[in-house]
Every structure is written in structure tokens, then in C-alpha cells.
Amino acid sequence: MIRLATGLLLLALTAGPAAAETRYWAYDAADRVTQALTKGITIEIHRNFFGAVSVQRLFSTSARGSAEIRRGGPAATRSVLPDGVRANDVYQIVKEGDGRGLVRALCPGADDAWLLTGRIRQGDPIAMHAVGRWADGTYRHCVTLSYAYRGEWSLPDGAAAPRADETSPSAR
């Protein structure tokens, strides 16, 4: 029995990297506030062997620009969300390149900003809650961005993933 379990575990570990994938899902703004700030986004999704999804980058669907985001952030970001909001995934907006502009647009005056989401599933609408931290250490909910699923972008065979300084896959 132990030999069988060990064999299955080794098979899963070797198949993991082959089964992991990167996808690009596009979303349109679903309300006026979101449309005024972003119009639409494409998110780079990494799905691991077990099906868990994490967001790697955001691309502007309508204009040139992208921002890297990193999973994780302070627990205080969840404490300032509006009542009833369930957003367990926290992503820090990296303030390099277009990320700095995104922080300023979503949370004017904040030193740092995070995006909080619930579970992201292909085909479902998503809500992203921007939370900022100001110089005095105070966390505040800045804005809720609501998006409707638009579709998945596929890269041409053999094409490399877009770099941070390139346009979104939709502009290709």
C-alpha cells in the first residue's frame, strides 16, 4: 500500500509542471465606476496541477499598460472591506512601471495598494476591491471594481507570454 501511494505521489509531482498552465482571461467593466477607471482588463492566470488559480499580472484591455501583482498582503486589508464582502485572496500591486500609476488611480494618496478578490473561475464575473495604506499606517477601502467575463485570449503557437512593457494580448 505504501509503495502504491509513493508511486502515485511521484507521478503527481512529475506531472505537475506539465499540467500547470498560464491562461489569459479578459473582462469588461460591469459598472460606471469600473469603466471610468479601467474600462476592461485581461488577467494572466496561473493554474496549478490541482486546479488552484492565482493571478500573476493585470493588463489593460483598452490601452497600453500592465501591472505585476504578487499574492499576499497584510490581514488588515480584509478588515476594511465593506460589510458582507468575502474576498480572501490578497494581491499586492507592485509599484514598478505601470503599477505605480494603477496604485495612484485606484487609491489616490495611498503609499501602497492591494486588490482583494473572491474565488476566480473562468466564465464568472469578478469583483476586485482596492485597499490602500496611507503614510500614517491607516488602511482604507478605495473602490470596488466589477467585471463581466468576456472570454479567453489564446496566444499563437510558440508565442512567448507578453512582457510587462508590451500591450495586452487583446491588442495583438
N, C-alpha and C. Protein backbone atom coordinates (compact mmCIF):
# COMPACT_ATOMS: atom_id res chain seq x y z
N MET A 1 0.82 -1.19 0.00
CA MET A 1 0.00 0.00 0.00
C MET A 1 0.86 1.26 0.00
N ILE A 2 1.94 1.24 0.81
CA ILE A 2 2.83 2.40 0.88
C ILE A 2 3.53 2.60 -0.46
N ARG A 3 3.90 1.49 -1.10
CA ARG A 3 4.58 1.58 -2.39
C ARG A 3 3.65 2.20 -3.44
N LEU A 4 2.37 1.84 -3.43
CA LEU A 4 1.40 2.39 -4.36
C LEU A 4 1.22 3.89 -4.12
N ALA A 5 1.10 4.29 -2.86
CA ALA A 5 0.94 5.70 -2.52
C ALA A 5 2.16 6.50 -2.94
N THR A 6 3.35 5.94 -2.71
CA THR A 6 4.58 6.62 -3.10
C THR A 6 4.65 6.78 -4.62
N GLY A 7 4.28 5.73 -5.33
CA GLY A 7 4.27 5.79 -6.79
C GLY A 7 3.31 6.84 -7.32
N LEU A 8 2.11 6.91 -6.74
CA LEU A 8 1.13 7.93 -7.16
C LEU A 8 1.62 9.34 -6.85
N LEU A 9 2.26 9.51 -5.71
CA LEU A 9 2.79 10.81 -5.34
C LEU A 9 3.89 11.24 -6.32
N LEU A 10 4.79 10.34 -6.66
CA LEU A 10 5.84 10.66 -7.63
C LEU A 10 5.26 10.98 -8.99
N LEU A 11 4.23 10.26 -9.40
CA LEU A 11 3.58 10.53 -10.68
C LEU A 11 2.95 11.92 -10.66
N ALA A 12 2.29 12.27 -9.57
CA ALA A 12 1.66 13.59 -9.46
C ALA A 12 2.70 14.70 -9.49
N LEU A 13 3.83 14.49 -8.82
CA LEU A 13 4.87 15.52 -8.79
C LEU A 13 5.53 15.71 -10.15
N THR A 14 5.71 14.64 -10.89
CA THR A 14 6.34 14.77 -12.21
C THR A 14 5.35 15.30 -13.23
N ALA A 15 4.08 15.01 -13.06
CA ALA A 15 3.07 15.51 -14.00
C ALA A 15 2.68 16.94 -13.68
N GLY A 16 2.95 17.41 -12.47
CA GLY A 16 2.56 18.75 -12.05
C GLY A 16 3.02 19.86 -12.96
N PRO A 17 4.32 19.97 -13.23
CA PRO A 17 4.78 21.04 -14.10
C PRO A 17 4.21 20.96 -15.50
N ALA A 18 3.98 19.77 -15.99
CA ALA A 18 3.41 19.64 -17.32
C ALA A 18 1.95 20.05 -17.34
N ALA A 19 1.24 19.84 -16.24
CA ALA A 19 -0.18 20.14 -16.20
C ALA A 19 -0.44 21.59 -15.82
N ALA A 20 0.54 22.26 -15.20
CA ALA A 20 0.37 23.67 -14.84
C ALA A 20 0.28 24.47 -16.13
N GLU A 21 -0.52 25.53 -16.09
CA GLU A 21 -0.70 26.31 -17.30
C GLU A 21 -0.93 27.77 -16.99
N THR A 22 -0.66 28.59 -17.97
CA THR A 22 -0.91 30.02 -17.88
C THR A 22 -1.99 30.36 -18.90
N ARG A 23 -2.99 31.10 -18.47
CA ARG A 23 -4.11 31.47 -19.33
C ARG A 23 -4.32 32.97 -19.24
N TYR A 24 -5.05 33.52 -20.20
CA TYR A 24 -5.36 34.95 -20.23
C TYR A 24 -6.87 35.11 -20.38
N TRP A 25 -7.50 35.65 -19.33
CA TRP A 25 -8.95 35.84 -19.34
C TRP A 25 -9.25 37.33 -19.39
N ALA A 26 -10.14 37.70 -20.27
CA ALA A 26 -10.50 39.11 -20.46
C ALA A 26 -11.84 39.41 -19.81
N TYR A 27 -11.92 40.61 -19.26
CA TYR A 27 -13.14 41.07 -18.57
C TYR A 27 -13.46 42.49 -19.01
N ASP A 28 -14.75 42.77 -19.14
CA ASP A 28 -15.23 44.12 -19.44
C ASP A 28 -15.76 44.75 -18.16
N ALA A 29 -15.63 46.07 -18.07
CA ALA A 29 -16.17 46.79 -16.92
C ALA A 29 -17.67 46.57 -16.86
N ALA A 30 -18.18 46.30 -15.66
CA ALA A 30 -19.60 45.98 -15.49
C ALA A 30 -20.40 47.14 -14.90
N ASP A 31 -19.74 48.22 -14.51
CA ASP A 31 -20.46 49.37 -13.98
C ASP A 31 -19.71 50.65 -14.34
N ARG A 32 -20.33 51.79 -14.07
CA ARG A 32 -19.76 53.08 -14.49
C ARG A 32 -18.45 53.41 -13.75
N VAL A 33 -18.37 53.09 -12.48
CA VAL A 33 -17.15 53.38 -11.72
C VAL A 33 -15.97 52.60 -12.31
N THR A 34 -16.18 51.33 -12.56
CA THR A 34 -15.12 50.49 -13.12
C THR A 34 -14.74 50.97 -14.51
N GLN A 35 -15.73 51.33 -15.30
CA GLN A 35 -15.46 51.80 -16.66
C GLN A 35 -14.66 53.10 -16.64
N ALA A 36 -14.94 53.97 -15.69
CA ALA A 36 -14.20 55.22 -15.59
C ALA A 36 -12.74 54.99 -15.23
N LEU A 37 -12.46 53.93 -14.47
CA LEU A 37 -11.09 53.67 -14.03
C LEU A 37 -10.30 52.75 -14.95
N THR A 38 -10.94 51.71 -15.49
CA THR A 38 -10.16 50.71 -16.22
C THR A 38 -10.76 50.24 -17.54
N LYS A 39 -11.99 50.49 -17.81
CA LYS A 39 -12.71 50.02 -18.99
C LYS A 39 -12.74 48.50 -19.09
N GLY A 40 -11.61 47.87 -19.05
CA GLY A 40 -11.55 46.41 -19.11
C GLY A 40 -10.15 45.94 -18.78
N ILE A 41 -10.05 44.68 -18.39
CA ILE A 41 -8.75 44.12 -18.04
C ILE A 41 -8.61 42.72 -18.62
N THR A 42 -7.39 42.31 -18.78
CA THR A 42 -7.05 40.93 -19.06
C THR A 42 -6.16 40.50 -17.90
N ILE A 43 -6.47 39.36 -17.32
CA ILE A 43 -5.66 38.89 -16.21
C ILE A 43 -4.90 37.63 -16.65
N GLU A 44 -3.65 37.60 -16.27
CA GLU A 44 -2.83 36.42 -16.51
C GLU A 44 -3.04 35.48 -15.34
N ILE A 45 -3.57 34.32 -15.64
CA ILE A 45 -3.92 33.33 -14.63
C ILE A 45 -2.92 32.19 -14.68
N HIS A 46 -2.48 31.76 -13.52
CA HIS A 46 -1.67 30.54 -13.44
C HIS A 46 -2.51 29.50 -12.72
N ARG A 47 -2.73 28.39 -13.38
CA ARG A 47 -3.49 27.29 -12.78
C ARG A 47 -2.52 26.16 -12.51
N ASN A 48 -2.46 25.72 -11.24
CA ASN A 48 -1.52 24.66 -10.91
C ASN A 48 -2.12 23.28 -11.19
N PHE A 49 -1.34 22.26 -10.90
CA PHE A 49 -1.74 20.89 -11.18
C PHE A 49 -3.07 20.52 -10.51
N PHE A 50 -3.32 21.08 -9.34
CA PHE A 50 -4.54 20.73 -8.60
C PHE A 50 -5.72 21.63 -8.96
N GLY A 51 -5.54 22.56 -9.90
CA GLY A 51 -6.63 23.41 -10.36
C GLY A 51 -6.75 24.75 -9.66
N ALA A 52 -5.90 25.00 -8.66
CA ALA A 52 -5.96 26.28 -7.97
C ALA A 52 -5.50 27.39 -8.91
N VAL A 53 -6.18 28.52 -8.85
CA VAL A 53 -5.92 29.64 -9.75
C VAL A 53 -5.31 30.79 -8.96
N SER A 54 -4.26 31.40 -9.51
CA SER A 54 -3.72 32.62 -8.92
C SER A 54 -3.47 33.62 -10.05
N VAL A 55 -3.65 34.89 -9.74
CA VAL A 55 -3.47 35.95 -10.70
C VAL A 55 -2.01 36.37 -10.68
N GLN A 56 -1.40 36.50 -11.85
CA GLN A 56 0.01 36.89 -11.96
C GLN A 56 0.18 38.35 -12.38
N ARG A 57 -0.60 38.79 -13.37
CA ARG A 57 -0.50 40.17 -13.87
C ARG A 57 -1.85 40.65 -14.36
N LEU A 58 -1.97 41.96 -14.42
CA LEU A 58 -3.14 42.63 -15.00
C LEU A 58 -2.68 43.39 -16.22
N PHE A 59 -3.44 43.31 -17.28
CA PHE A 59 -3.19 44.10 -18.49
C PHE A 59 -4.41 44.96 -18.75
N SER A 60 -4.18 46.16 -19.20
CA SER A 60 -5.29 46.99 -19.66
C SER A 60 -5.75 46.43 -21.00
N THR A 61 -7.04 46.17 -21.13
CA THR A 61 -7.56 45.61 -22.37
C THR A 61 -7.73 46.71 -23.42
N SER A 62 -7.97 47.93 -22.97
CA SER A 62 -8.26 49.00 -23.91
C SER A 62 -7.09 49.93 -24.19
N ALA A 63 -6.05 49.86 -23.39
CA ALA A 63 -4.91 50.76 -23.57
C ALA A 63 -3.63 50.01 -23.27
N ARG A 64 -2.55 50.66 -23.53
CA ARG A 64 -1.23 50.07 -23.27
C ARG A 64 -0.96 50.13 -21.78
N GLY A 65 -0.54 49.02 -21.20
CA GLY A 65 -0.17 49.02 -19.80
C GLY A 65 -0.43 47.70 -19.13
N SER A 66 0.39 47.43 -18.11
CA SER A 66 0.21 46.22 -17.32
C SER A 66 0.81 46.46 -15.95
N ALA A 67 0.37 45.68 -15.00
CA ALA A 67 0.90 45.79 -13.65
C ALA A 67 1.11 44.39 -13.10
N GLU A 68 2.27 44.19 -12.50
CA GLU A 68 2.54 42.92 -11.84
C GLU A 68 1.89 42.97 -10.47
N ILE A 69 1.32 41.86 -10.07
CA ILE A 69 0.76 41.76 -8.72
C ILE A 69 1.34 40.51 -8.07
N ARG A 70 1.49 40.58 -6.76
CA ARG A 70 2.04 39.46 -6.00
C ARG A 70 1.04 39.00 -4.96
N ARG A 71 0.88 37.72 -4.90
CA ARG A 71 -0.05 37.14 -3.93
C ARG A 71 0.43 37.42 -2.52
N GLY A 72 -0.50 37.83 -1.66
CA GLY A 72 -0.20 38.05 -0.26
C GLY A 72 -0.28 39.51 0.13
N GLY A 73 -0.49 39.71 1.41
CA GLY A 73 -0.58 41.06 1.94
C GLY A 73 -1.03 41.02 3.38
N PRO A 74 -1.06 42.17 4.01
CA PRO A 74 -1.43 42.22 5.43
C PRO A 74 -2.90 41.86 5.67
N ALA A 75 -3.16 41.24 6.81
CA ALA A 75 -4.53 40.87 7.17
C ALA A 75 -5.40 42.10 7.35
N ALA A 76 -4.79 43.24 7.65
CA ALA A 76 -5.56 44.48 7.86
C ALA A 76 -6.32 44.89 6.60
N THR A 77 -5.89 44.43 5.43
CA THR A 77 -6.60 44.78 4.20
C THR A 77 -8.02 44.21 4.21
N ARG A 78 -8.19 43.03 4.77
CA ARG A 78 -9.53 42.41 4.82
C ARG A 78 -10.45 43.12 5.81
N SER A 79 -9.87 43.69 6.85
CA SER A 79 -10.68 44.30 7.91
C SER A 79 -11.39 45.57 7.48
N VAL A 80 -10.97 46.20 6.38
CA VAL A 80 -11.60 47.45 5.95
C VAL A 80 -12.58 47.25 4.80
N LEU A 81 -12.81 46.01 4.40
CA LEU A 81 -13.77 45.75 3.33
C LEU A 81 -15.19 46.05 3.81
N PRO A 82 -16.07 46.44 2.89
CA PRO A 82 -17.46 46.68 3.27
C PRO A 82 -18.09 45.43 3.89
N ASP A 83 -19.09 45.63 4.74
CA ASP A 83 -19.78 44.51 5.38
C ASP A 83 -20.33 43.55 4.35
N GLY A 84 -20.16 42.27 4.61
CA GLY A 84 -20.70 41.24 3.74
C GLY A 84 -19.81 40.83 2.59
N VAL A 85 -18.72 41.51 2.37
CA VAL A 85 -17.81 41.17 1.27
C VAL A 85 -16.92 40.02 1.70
N ARG A 86 -16.86 39.00 0.84
CA ARG A 86 -15.99 37.85 1.10
C ARG A 86 -14.92 37.83 0.02
N ALA A 87 -13.77 38.35 0.36
CA ALA A 87 -12.64 38.39 -0.57
C ALA A 87 -11.41 37.90 0.19
N ASN A 88 -11.05 36.66 -0.03
CA ASN A 88 -9.96 36.06 0.74
C ASN A 88 -8.61 36.14 0.07
N ASP A 89 -8.57 36.35 -1.24
CA ASP A 89 -7.30 36.39 -1.95
C ASP A 89 -6.80 37.83 -2.01
N VAL A 90 -5.59 38.05 -1.49
CA VAL A 90 -5.00 39.39 -1.43
C VAL A 90 -3.81 39.42 -2.38
N TYR A 91 -3.76 40.45 -3.22
CA TYR A 91 -2.66 40.64 -4.17
C TYR A 91 -2.12 42.05 -4.03
N GLN A 92 -0.83 42.17 -3.81
CA GLN A 92 -0.19 43.48 -3.73
C GLN A 92 0.12 43.97 -5.14
N ILE A 93 -0.19 45.22 -5.40
CA ILE A 93 0.17 45.83 -6.68
C ILE A 93 1.63 46.27 -6.58
N VAL A 94 2.47 45.74 -7.44
CA VAL A 94 3.89 46.08 -7.44
C VAL A 94 4.04 47.48 -8.05
N LYS A 95 4.69 48.36 -7.32
CA LYS A 95 4.79 49.76 -7.75
C LYS A 95 5.99 50.00 -8.67
N GLU A 96 6.11 49.20 -9.68
CA GLU A 96 7.12 49.39 -10.71
C GLU A 96 6.39 49.54 -12.03
N GLY A 97 6.91 50.38 -12.91
CA GLY A 97 6.28 50.59 -14.21
C GLY A 97 4.86 51.11 -14.05
N ASP A 98 3.92 50.46 -14.73
CA ASP A 98 2.53 50.90 -14.71
C ASP A 98 1.84 50.61 -13.38
N GLY A 99 2.44 49.80 -12.54
CA GLY A 99 1.85 49.50 -11.23
C GLY A 99 1.73 50.75 -10.37
N ARG A 100 2.71 51.63 -10.46
CA ARG A 100 2.67 52.88 -9.69
C ARG A 100 1.45 53.73 -10.09
N GLY A 101 1.20 53.81 -11.40
CA GLY A 101 0.04 54.56 -11.88
C GLY A 101 -1.27 53.91 -11.46
N LEU A 102 -1.30 52.58 -11.44
CA LEU A 102 -2.51 51.88 -11.02
C LEU A 102 -2.80 52.15 -9.55
N VAL A 103 -1.77 52.14 -8.71
CA VAL A 103 -1.96 52.46 -7.29
C VAL A 103 -2.54 53.87 -7.15
N ARG A 104 -1.97 54.83 -7.88
CA ARG A 104 -2.46 56.22 -7.81
C ARG A 104 -3.89 56.36 -8.31
N ALA A 105 -4.25 55.62 -9.36
CA ALA A 105 -5.60 55.71 -9.91
C ALA A 105 -6.63 55.08 -8.99
N LEU A 106 -6.30 53.94 -8.40
CA LEU A 106 -7.27 53.23 -7.56
C LEU A 106 -7.38 53.84 -6.17
N CYS A 107 -6.27 54.25 -5.59
CA CYS A 107 -6.24 54.77 -4.22
C CYS A 107 -5.41 56.06 -4.17
N PRO A 108 -5.96 57.18 -4.68
CA PRO A 108 -5.19 58.42 -4.71
C PRO A 108 -4.67 58.80 -3.32
N GLY A 109 -3.38 59.06 -3.25
CA GLY A 109 -2.75 59.45 -1.99
C GLY A 109 -2.21 58.30 -1.16
N ALA A 110 -2.50 57.06 -1.55
CA ALA A 110 -2.02 55.91 -0.79
C ALA A 110 -0.57 55.61 -1.14
N ASP A 111 0.16 55.09 -0.17
CA ASP A 111 1.55 54.67 -0.40
C ASP A 111 1.61 53.30 -1.06
N ASP A 112 0.71 52.40 -0.69
CA ASP A 112 0.65 51.05 -1.23
C ASP A 112 -0.81 50.69 -1.47
N ALA A 113 -1.02 49.70 -2.34
CA ALA A 113 -2.39 49.25 -2.60
C ALA A 113 -2.40 47.75 -2.88
N TRP A 114 -3.52 47.15 -2.54
CA TRP A 114 -3.76 45.73 -2.76
C TRP A 114 -5.10 45.55 -3.44
N LEU A 115 -5.23 44.46 -4.17
CA LEU A 115 -6.50 44.06 -4.75
C LEU A 115 -6.94 42.79 -4.05
N LEU A 116 -8.19 42.78 -3.60
CA LEU A 116 -8.73 41.61 -2.92
C LEU A 116 -9.85 41.05 -3.78
N THR A 117 -9.84 39.74 -3.94
CA THR A 117 -10.87 39.08 -4.75
C THR A 117 -11.39 37.85 -4.03
N GLY A 118 -12.52 37.41 -4.49
CA GLY A 118 -13.02 36.10 -4.09
C GLY A 118 -12.44 35.08 -5.05
N ARG A 119 -13.02 33.92 -5.07
CA ARG A 119 -12.56 32.86 -5.97
C ARG A 119 -12.80 33.28 -7.42
N ILE A 120 -11.79 33.10 -8.25
CA ILE A 120 -11.90 33.45 -9.67
C ILE A 120 -12.08 32.16 -10.46
N ARG A 121 -13.17 32.13 -11.22
CA ARG A 121 -13.46 30.97 -12.06
C ARG A 121 -13.73 31.46 -13.48
N GLN A 122 -13.26 30.71 -14.44
CA GLN A 122 -13.46 31.08 -15.83
C GLN A 122 -14.95 31.17 -16.13
N GLY A 123 -15.34 32.25 -16.76
CA GLY A 123 -16.73 32.45 -17.15
C GLY A 123 -17.56 33.22 -16.15
N ASP A 124 -17.08 33.35 -14.91
CA ASP A 124 -17.83 34.07 -13.88
C ASP A 124 -17.41 35.52 -13.81
N PRO A 125 -18.33 36.41 -13.45
CA PRO A 125 -17.94 37.80 -13.20
C PRO A 125 -17.03 37.87 -11.97
N ILE A 126 -16.25 38.92 -11.87
CA ILE A 126 -15.39 39.08 -10.70
C ILE A 126 -15.53 40.49 -10.14
N ALA A 127 -15.29 40.60 -8.86
CA ALA A 127 -15.22 41.90 -8.18
C ALA A 127 -13.85 41.98 -7.54
N MET A 128 -13.20 43.12 -7.74
CA MET A 128 -11.90 43.36 -7.12
C MET A 128 -12.05 44.58 -6.23
N HIS A 129 -11.59 44.44 -5.01
CA HIS A 129 -11.68 45.53 -4.03
C HIS A 129 -10.28 46.10 -3.83
N ALA A 130 -10.13 47.38 -4.14
CA ALA A 130 -8.84 48.04 -3.93
C ALA A 130 -8.79 48.58 -2.51
N VAL A 131 -7.72 48.27 -1.82
CA VAL A 131 -7.48 48.74 -0.45
C VAL A 131 -6.11 49.40 -0.44
N GLY A 132 -6.04 50.58 0.16
CA GLY A 132 -4.77 51.30 0.22
C GLY A 132 -4.29 51.50 1.64
N ARG A 133 -2.97 51.75 1.75
CA ARG A 133 -2.38 52.09 3.04
C ARG A 133 -1.72 53.46 2.88
N TRP A 134 -2.10 54.37 3.79
CA TRP A 134 -1.59 55.73 3.74
C TRP A 134 -0.35 55.86 4.63
N ALA A 135 0.31 57.00 4.54
CA ALA A 135 1.56 57.25 5.25
C ALA A 135 1.41 57.08 6.77
N ASP A 136 0.23 57.34 7.30
CA ASP A 136 0.03 57.20 8.75
C ASP A 136 -0.26 55.77 9.17
N GLY A 137 -0.23 54.83 8.22
CA GLY A 137 -0.45 53.41 8.52
C GLY A 137 -1.90 52.99 8.45
N THR A 138 -2.79 53.90 8.12
CA THR A 138 -4.22 53.61 8.04
C THR A 138 -4.55 52.88 6.73
N TYR A 139 -5.36 51.84 6.84
CA TYR A 139 -5.86 51.12 5.67
C TYR A 139 -7.27 51.60 5.38
N ARG A 140 -7.56 51.78 4.08
CA ARG A 140 -8.91 52.21 3.68
C ARG A 140 -9.33 51.47 2.42
N HIS A 141 -10.62 51.16 2.37
CA HIS A 141 -11.19 50.60 1.14
C HIS A 141 -11.33 51.75 0.15
N CYS A 142 -10.77 51.58 -1.04
CA CYS A 142 -10.76 52.67 -2.02
C CYS A 142 -11.92 52.57 -3.02
N VAL A 143 -12.05 51.43 -3.66
CA VAL A 143 -13.05 51.28 -4.70
C VAL A 143 -13.30 49.79 -4.96
N THR A 144 -14.50 49.49 -5.43
CA THR A 144 -14.82 48.14 -5.87
C THR A 144 -14.91 48.16 -7.39
N LEU A 145 -14.16 47.29 -8.03
CA LEU A 145 -14.18 47.16 -9.48
C LEU A 145 -14.97 45.91 -9.84
N SER A 146 -15.96 46.07 -10.70
CA SER A 146 -16.82 44.95 -11.09
C SER A 146 -16.63 44.65 -12.57
N TYR A 147 -16.39 43.38 -12.87
CA TYR A 147 -16.11 42.98 -14.25
C TYR A 147 -16.99 41.81 -14.67
N ALA A 148 -17.38 41.84 -15.95
CA ALA A 148 -18.11 40.74 -16.58
C ALA A 148 -17.13 39.97 -17.47
N TYR A 149 -17.20 38.65 -17.40
CA TYR A 149 -16.29 37.82 -18.19
C TYR A 149 -16.54 38.05 -19.68
N ARG A 150 -15.46 38.22 -20.42
CA ARG A 150 -15.55 38.46 -21.86
C ARG A 150 -15.10 37.25 -22.66
N GLY A 151 -14.00 36.63 -22.25
CA GLY A 151 -13.50 35.47 -22.99
C GLY A 151 -12.05 35.21 -22.67
N GLU A 152 -11.52 34.20 -23.32
CA GLU A 152 -10.12 33.83 -23.10
C GLU A 152 -9.32 34.15 -24.35
N TRP A 153 -8.15 34.73 -24.13
CA TRP A 153 -7.23 35.01 -25.22
C TRP A 153 -6.31 33.81 -25.38
N SER A 154 -6.07 33.46 -26.59
CA SER A 154 -5.09 32.40 -26.82
C SER A 154 -3.91 33.00 -27.55
N LEU A 155 -2.73 32.60 -27.15
CA LEU A 155 -1.52 33.06 -27.82
C LEU A 155 -1.24 32.16 -29.00
N PRO A 156 -0.68 32.70 -30.05
CA PRO A 156 -0.32 31.85 -31.20
C PRO A 156 0.66 30.77 -30.78
N ASP A 157 0.65 29.65 -31.46
CA ASP A 157 1.58 28.56 -31.15
C ASP A 157 3.01 29.06 -31.15
N GLY A 158 3.73 28.73 -30.10
CA GLY A 158 5.14 29.11 -30.00
C GLY A 158 5.37 30.54 -29.54
N ALA A 159 4.31 31.32 -29.34
CA ALA A 159 4.48 32.71 -28.91
C ALA A 159 4.80 32.77 -27.43
N ALA A 160 5.66 33.68 -27.08
CA ALA A 160 6.01 33.88 -25.67
C ALA A 160 4.95 34.73 -25.01
N ALA A 161 4.83 34.60 -23.72
CA ALA A 161 3.89 35.42 -22.95
C ALA A 161 4.31 36.88 -23.08
N PRO A 162 3.35 37.81 -23.08
CA PRO A 162 3.70 39.22 -23.21
C PRO A 162 4.54 39.70 -22.03
N ARG A 163 5.47 40.60 -22.32
CA ARG A 163 6.28 41.20 -21.26
C ARG A 163 5.51 42.39 -20.69
N ALA A 164 5.98 42.86 -19.54
CA ALA A 164 5.30 43.96 -18.86
C ALA A 164 5.24 45.23 -19.70
N ASP A 165 6.16 45.43 -20.64
CA ASP A 165 6.17 46.65 -21.43
C ASP A 165 5.43 46.50 -22.75
N GLU A 166 4.81 45.38 -22.99
CA GLU A 166 4.05 45.16 -24.21
C GLU A 166 2.58 45.44 -23.97
N THR A 167 1.83 45.55 -25.02
CA THR A 167 0.39 45.72 -24.89
C THR A 167 -0.24 44.41 -24.49
N SER A 168 -1.50 44.47 -24.12
CA SER A 168 -2.20 43.27 -23.71
C SER A 168 -2.37 42.33 -24.89
N PRO A 169 -2.67 41.05 -24.61
CA PRO A 169 -2.88 40.11 -25.69
C PRO A 169 -4.00 40.54 -26.64
N SER A 170 -4.94 41.36 -26.15
CA SER A 170 -6.05 41.79 -26.99
C SER A 170 -5.60 42.73 -28.09
N ALA A 171 -4.48 43.40 -27.92
CA ALA A 171 -4.01 44.34 -28.91
C ALA A 171 -3.21 43.67 -30.02
N ARG A 172 -3.01 42.38 -29.91
CA ARG A 172 -2.21 41.67 -30.92
C ARG A 172 -3.06 41.30 -32.10
